[in-house]
Amino acid sequence: MANIKGQMKRNLTNEKRRLRNASLKSSLKTALKNVETAIAENNKEAATVALADAFKRLDKSVTKGINHKNYVARQKSRLAKSVGTL
């Protein structure tokens, strides 16, 4: 543990950010999984609803600095193509 006051404060903020980032990553993975599950079940209506939620979460992850924009673009393209083939 640090004994410098500024570093102690920094450790607290780092922990808060780590927990928030973990929560956002987890919800993003769940949203992606929901789309893929709906695709596997050939349920186009559920897939399109889940796709909209996944897009929202992917875009938010870029603005929060969790994922790179190219990763998000690739995931959005992959999911949209999969839903489009249903």
N, C-alpha and C. Protein backbone atom coordinates (compact mmCIF):
# COMPACT_ATOMS: atom_id res chain seq x y z
N MET A 1 0.85 -1.19 0.00
CA MET A 1 0.00 0.00 0.00
C MET A 1 0.89 1.24 0.00
N ALA A 2 0.48 2.22 -0.76
CA ALA A 2 1.25 3.45 -0.86
C ALA A 2 1.11 4.25 0.44
N ASN A 3 2.13 5.00 0.76
CA ASN A 3 2.05 5.87 1.93
C ASN A 3 2.09 7.33 1.53
N ILE A 4 1.90 7.61 0.26
CA ILE A 4 1.82 8.98 -0.24
C ILE A 4 0.35 9.31 -0.43
N LYS A 5 -0.07 10.44 0.11
CA LYS A 5 -1.48 10.79 0.14
C LYS A 5 -2.10 10.83 -1.26
N GLY A 6 -1.39 11.42 -2.20
CA GLY A 6 -1.92 11.51 -3.56
C GLY A 6 -2.09 10.15 -4.21
N GLN A 7 -1.14 9.25 -3.92
CA GLN A 7 -1.25 7.91 -4.50
C GLN A 7 -2.37 7.12 -3.85
N MET A 8 -2.63 7.34 -2.58
CA MET A 8 -3.76 6.68 -1.91
C MET A 8 -5.08 7.08 -2.56
N LYS A 9 -5.22 8.39 -2.83
CA LYS A 9 -6.43 8.88 -3.50
C LYS A 9 -6.54 8.28 -4.89
N ARG A 10 -5.41 8.21 -5.57
CA ARG A 10 -5.40 7.67 -6.93
C ARG A 10 -5.80 6.19 -6.93
N ASN A 11 -5.35 5.45 -5.92
CA ASN A 11 -5.73 4.04 -5.82
C ASN A 11 -7.24 3.88 -5.66
N LEU A 12 -7.86 4.78 -4.89
CA LEU A 12 -9.31 4.71 -4.71
C LEU A 12 -10.03 4.96 -6.03
N THR A 13 -9.61 5.99 -6.76
CA THR A 13 -10.29 6.27 -8.03
C THR A 13 -10.04 5.17 -9.04
N ASN A 14 -8.84 4.59 -9.03
CA ASN A 14 -8.55 3.48 -9.95
C ASN A 14 -9.45 2.29 -9.66
N GLU A 15 -9.69 2.02 -8.39
CA GLU A 15 -10.56 0.89 -8.02
C GLU A 15 -12.00 1.14 -8.46
N LYS A 16 -12.47 2.38 -8.28
CA LYS A 16 -13.83 2.73 -8.73
C LYS A 16 -13.96 2.54 -10.23
N ARG A 17 -12.98 3.00 -10.97
CA ARG A 17 -13.01 2.88 -12.43
C ARG A 17 -12.95 1.42 -12.86
N ARG A 18 -12.11 0.62 -12.16
CA ARG A 18 -11.98 -0.79 -12.50
C ARG A 18 -13.31 -1.51 -12.34
N LEU A 19 -14.01 -1.21 -11.24
CA LEU A 19 -15.30 -1.85 -11.01
C LEU A 19 -16.34 -1.41 -12.05
N ARG A 20 -16.34 -0.13 -12.40
CA ARG A 20 -17.30 0.36 -13.40
C ARG A 20 -17.00 -0.24 -14.76
N ASN A 21 -15.71 -0.32 -15.12
CA ASN A 21 -15.33 -0.91 -16.40
C ASN A 21 -15.70 -2.39 -16.45
N ALA A 22 -15.50 -3.11 -15.36
CA ALA A 22 -15.84 -4.53 -15.31
C ALA A 22 -17.33 -4.72 -15.50
N SER A 23 -18.12 -3.86 -14.89
CA SER A 23 -19.57 -3.95 -15.02
C SER A 23 -20.01 -3.69 -16.46
N LEU A 24 -19.43 -2.68 -17.09
CA LEU A 24 -19.79 -2.36 -18.47
C LEU A 24 -19.36 -3.47 -19.43
N LYS A 25 -18.17 -4.05 -19.20
CA LYS A 25 -17.71 -5.15 -20.05
C LYS A 25 -18.62 -6.35 -19.91
N SER A 26 -19.04 -6.63 -18.70
CA SER A 26 -19.91 -7.78 -18.45
C SER A 26 -21.26 -7.59 -19.13
N SER A 27 -21.84 -6.41 -19.02
CA SER A 27 -23.14 -6.16 -19.65
C SER A 27 -23.02 -6.19 -21.17
N LEU A 28 -21.88 -5.78 -21.69
CA LEU A 28 -21.66 -5.84 -23.14
C LEU A 28 -21.58 -7.29 -23.61
N LYS A 29 -20.84 -8.12 -22.87
CA LYS A 29 -20.74 -9.53 -23.24
C LYS A 29 -22.12 -10.20 -23.20
N THR A 30 -22.93 -9.85 -22.21
CA THR A 30 -24.27 -10.41 -22.10
C THR A 30 -25.13 -9.99 -23.29
N ALA A 31 -25.03 -8.72 -23.69
CA ALA A 31 -25.81 -8.23 -24.83
C ALA A 31 -25.40 -8.94 -26.10
N LEU A 32 -24.10 -9.15 -26.29
CA LEU A 32 -23.63 -9.86 -27.49
C LEU A 32 -24.12 -11.30 -27.47
N LYS A 33 -24.08 -11.91 -26.30
CA LYS A 33 -24.53 -13.30 -26.18
C LYS A 33 -26.04 -13.41 -26.47
N ASN A 34 -26.81 -12.40 -26.05
CA ASN A 34 -28.25 -12.42 -26.31
C ASN A 34 -28.54 -12.39 -27.81
N VAL A 35 -27.77 -11.62 -28.55
CA VAL A 35 -27.96 -11.57 -30.00
C VAL A 35 -27.62 -12.92 -30.61
N GLU A 36 -26.50 -13.49 -30.21
CA GLU A 36 -26.07 -14.76 -30.79
C GLU A 36 -27.03 -15.89 -30.43
N THR A 37 -27.62 -15.84 -29.24
CA THR A 37 -28.61 -16.84 -28.84
C THR A 37 -29.86 -16.73 -29.70
N ALA A 38 -30.32 -15.50 -29.93
CA ALA A 38 -31.50 -15.30 -30.76
C ALA A 38 -31.24 -15.75 -32.19
N ILE A 39 -30.03 -15.53 -32.68
CA ILE A 39 -29.66 -15.98 -34.04
C ILE A 39 -29.67 -17.50 -34.11
N ALA A 40 -29.14 -18.14 -33.07
CA ALA A 40 -29.08 -19.60 -33.04
C ALA A 40 -30.49 -20.21 -33.02
N GLU A 41 -31.42 -19.49 -32.42
CA GLU A 41 -32.81 -19.97 -32.34
C GLU A 41 -33.63 -19.56 -33.57
N ASN A 42 -33.02 -18.86 -34.52
CA ASN A 42 -33.70 -18.34 -35.71
C ASN A 42 -34.90 -17.46 -35.36
N ASN A 43 -34.75 -16.66 -34.33
CA ASN A 43 -35.81 -15.76 -33.89
C ASN A 43 -35.43 -14.34 -34.32
N LYS A 44 -35.94 -13.92 -35.48
CA LYS A 44 -35.53 -12.64 -36.06
C LYS A 44 -36.00 -11.45 -35.21
N GLU A 45 -37.21 -11.52 -34.66
CA GLU A 45 -37.72 -10.40 -33.87
C GLU A 45 -36.86 -10.18 -32.62
N ALA A 46 -36.59 -11.26 -31.91
CA ALA A 46 -35.75 -11.14 -30.71
C ALA A 46 -34.34 -10.71 -31.07
N ALA A 47 -33.84 -11.18 -32.21
CA ALA A 47 -32.49 -10.84 -32.63
C ALA A 47 -32.37 -9.35 -32.93
N THR A 48 -33.38 -8.78 -33.58
CA THR A 48 -33.31 -7.35 -33.91
C THR A 48 -33.40 -6.49 -32.66
N VAL A 49 -34.22 -6.91 -31.70
CA VAL A 49 -34.32 -6.16 -30.44
C VAL A 49 -32.99 -6.25 -29.68
N ALA A 50 -32.44 -7.45 -29.62
CA ALA A 50 -31.16 -7.64 -28.92
C ALA A 50 -30.03 -6.92 -29.65
N LEU A 51 -30.13 -6.85 -30.98
CA LEU A 51 -29.11 -6.17 -31.77
C LEU A 51 -29.08 -4.68 -31.44
N ALA A 52 -30.26 -4.08 -31.31
CA ALA A 52 -30.32 -2.66 -30.97
C ALA A 52 -29.68 -2.40 -29.60
N ASP A 53 -29.95 -3.28 -28.65
CA ASP A 53 -29.35 -3.13 -27.32
C ASP A 53 -27.83 -3.32 -27.39
N ALA A 54 -27.40 -4.30 -28.17
CA ALA A 54 -25.96 -4.54 -28.31
C ALA A 54 -25.26 -3.35 -28.96
N PHE A 55 -25.88 -2.77 -29.98
CA PHE A 55 -25.30 -1.59 -30.64
C PHE A 55 -25.15 -0.45 -29.65
N LYS A 56 -26.17 -0.26 -28.83
CA LYS A 56 -26.14 0.82 -27.83
C LYS A 56 -24.98 0.62 -26.87
N ARG A 57 -24.83 -0.61 -26.39
CA ARG A 57 -23.77 -0.90 -25.43
C ARG A 57 -22.38 -0.84 -26.08
N LEU A 58 -22.28 -1.27 -27.33
CA LEU A 58 -21.00 -1.19 -28.03
C LEU A 58 -20.59 0.27 -28.22
N ASP A 59 -21.53 1.11 -28.64
CA ASP A 59 -21.22 2.52 -28.83
C ASP A 59 -20.81 3.19 -27.51
N LYS A 60 -21.49 2.80 -26.44
CA LYS A 60 -21.16 3.38 -25.15
C LYS A 60 -19.77 2.96 -24.70
N SER A 61 -19.38 1.73 -25.03
CA SER A 61 -18.06 1.26 -24.62
C SER A 61 -16.94 2.04 -25.32
N VAL A 62 -17.21 2.53 -26.52
CA VAL A 62 -16.21 3.36 -27.20
C VAL A 62 -16.11 4.72 -26.53
N THR A 63 -17.25 5.32 -26.21
CA THR A 63 -17.22 6.65 -25.60
C THR A 63 -16.60 6.61 -24.21
N LYS A 64 -16.76 5.49 -23.51
CA LYS A 64 -16.18 5.36 -22.17
C LYS A 64 -14.71 4.93 -22.22
N GLY A 65 -14.21 4.60 -23.43
CA GLY A 65 -12.82 4.23 -23.57
C GLY A 65 -12.52 2.79 -23.18
N ILE A 66 -13.54 1.95 -23.17
CA ILE A 66 -13.34 0.55 -22.78
C ILE A 66 -12.88 -0.28 -23.97
N ASN A 67 -13.49 -0.06 -25.13
CA ASN A 67 -13.13 -0.80 -26.34
C ASN A 67 -12.65 0.16 -27.42
N HIS A 68 -11.85 -0.37 -28.33
CA HIS A 68 -11.35 0.41 -29.46
C HIS A 68 -12.45 0.51 -30.52
N LYS A 69 -12.46 1.62 -31.24
CA LYS A 69 -13.51 1.85 -32.24
C LYS A 69 -13.51 0.80 -33.34
N ASN A 70 -12.33 0.29 -33.71
CA ASN A 70 -12.29 -0.73 -34.76
C ASN A 70 -12.88 -2.05 -34.28
N TYR A 71 -12.65 -2.39 -33.02
CA TYR A 71 -13.25 -3.60 -32.44
C TYR A 71 -14.76 -3.48 -32.47
N VAL A 72 -15.27 -2.32 -32.08
CA VAL A 72 -16.71 -2.10 -32.04
C VAL A 72 -17.29 -2.15 -33.45
N ALA A 73 -16.62 -1.54 -34.40
CA ALA A 73 -17.11 -1.56 -35.78
C ALA A 73 -17.15 -2.99 -36.31
N ARG A 74 -16.15 -3.78 -35.99
CA ARG A 74 -16.10 -5.17 -36.44
C ARG A 74 -17.24 -5.98 -35.82
N GLN A 75 -17.48 -5.80 -34.54
CA GLN A 75 -18.55 -6.53 -33.87
C GLN A 75 -19.92 -6.14 -34.41
N LYS A 76 -20.13 -4.84 -34.62
CA LYS A 76 -21.41 -4.38 -35.15
C LYS A 76 -21.65 -4.94 -36.54
N SER A 77 -20.62 -4.94 -37.37
CA SER A 77 -20.75 -5.47 -38.72
C SER A 77 -21.05 -6.96 -38.69
N ARG A 78 -20.34 -7.68 -37.85
CA ARG A 78 -20.52 -9.14 -37.75
C ARG A 78 -21.94 -9.49 -37.30
N LEU A 79 -22.42 -8.79 -36.28
CA LEU A 79 -23.76 -9.08 -35.76
C LEU A 79 -24.84 -8.69 -36.75
N ALA A 80 -24.69 -7.52 -37.38
CA ALA A 80 -25.70 -7.06 -38.34
C ALA A 80 -25.78 -8.01 -39.52
N LYS A 81 -24.64 -8.51 -39.96
CA LYS A 81 -24.63 -9.47 -41.07
C LYS A 81 -25.32 -10.76 -40.66
N SER A 82 -25.08 -11.22 -39.46
CA SER A 82 -25.69 -12.46 -38.99
C SER A 82 -27.21 -12.32 -38.85
N VAL A 83 -27.65 -11.20 -38.32
CA VAL A 83 -29.10 -10.97 -38.17
C VAL A 83 -29.74 -10.80 -39.55
N GLY A 84 -29.02 -10.18 -40.47
CA GLY A 84 -29.55 -9.97 -41.81
C GLY A 84 -29.77 -11.26 -42.58
N THR A 85 -29.02 -12.29 -42.26
CA THR A 85 -29.17 -13.56 -43.00
C THR A 85 -30.35 -14.39 -42.49
N LEU A 86 -30.97 -13.98 -41.37
CA LEU A 86 -32.11 -14.76 -40.85
C LEU A 86 -33.32 -14.66 -41.76
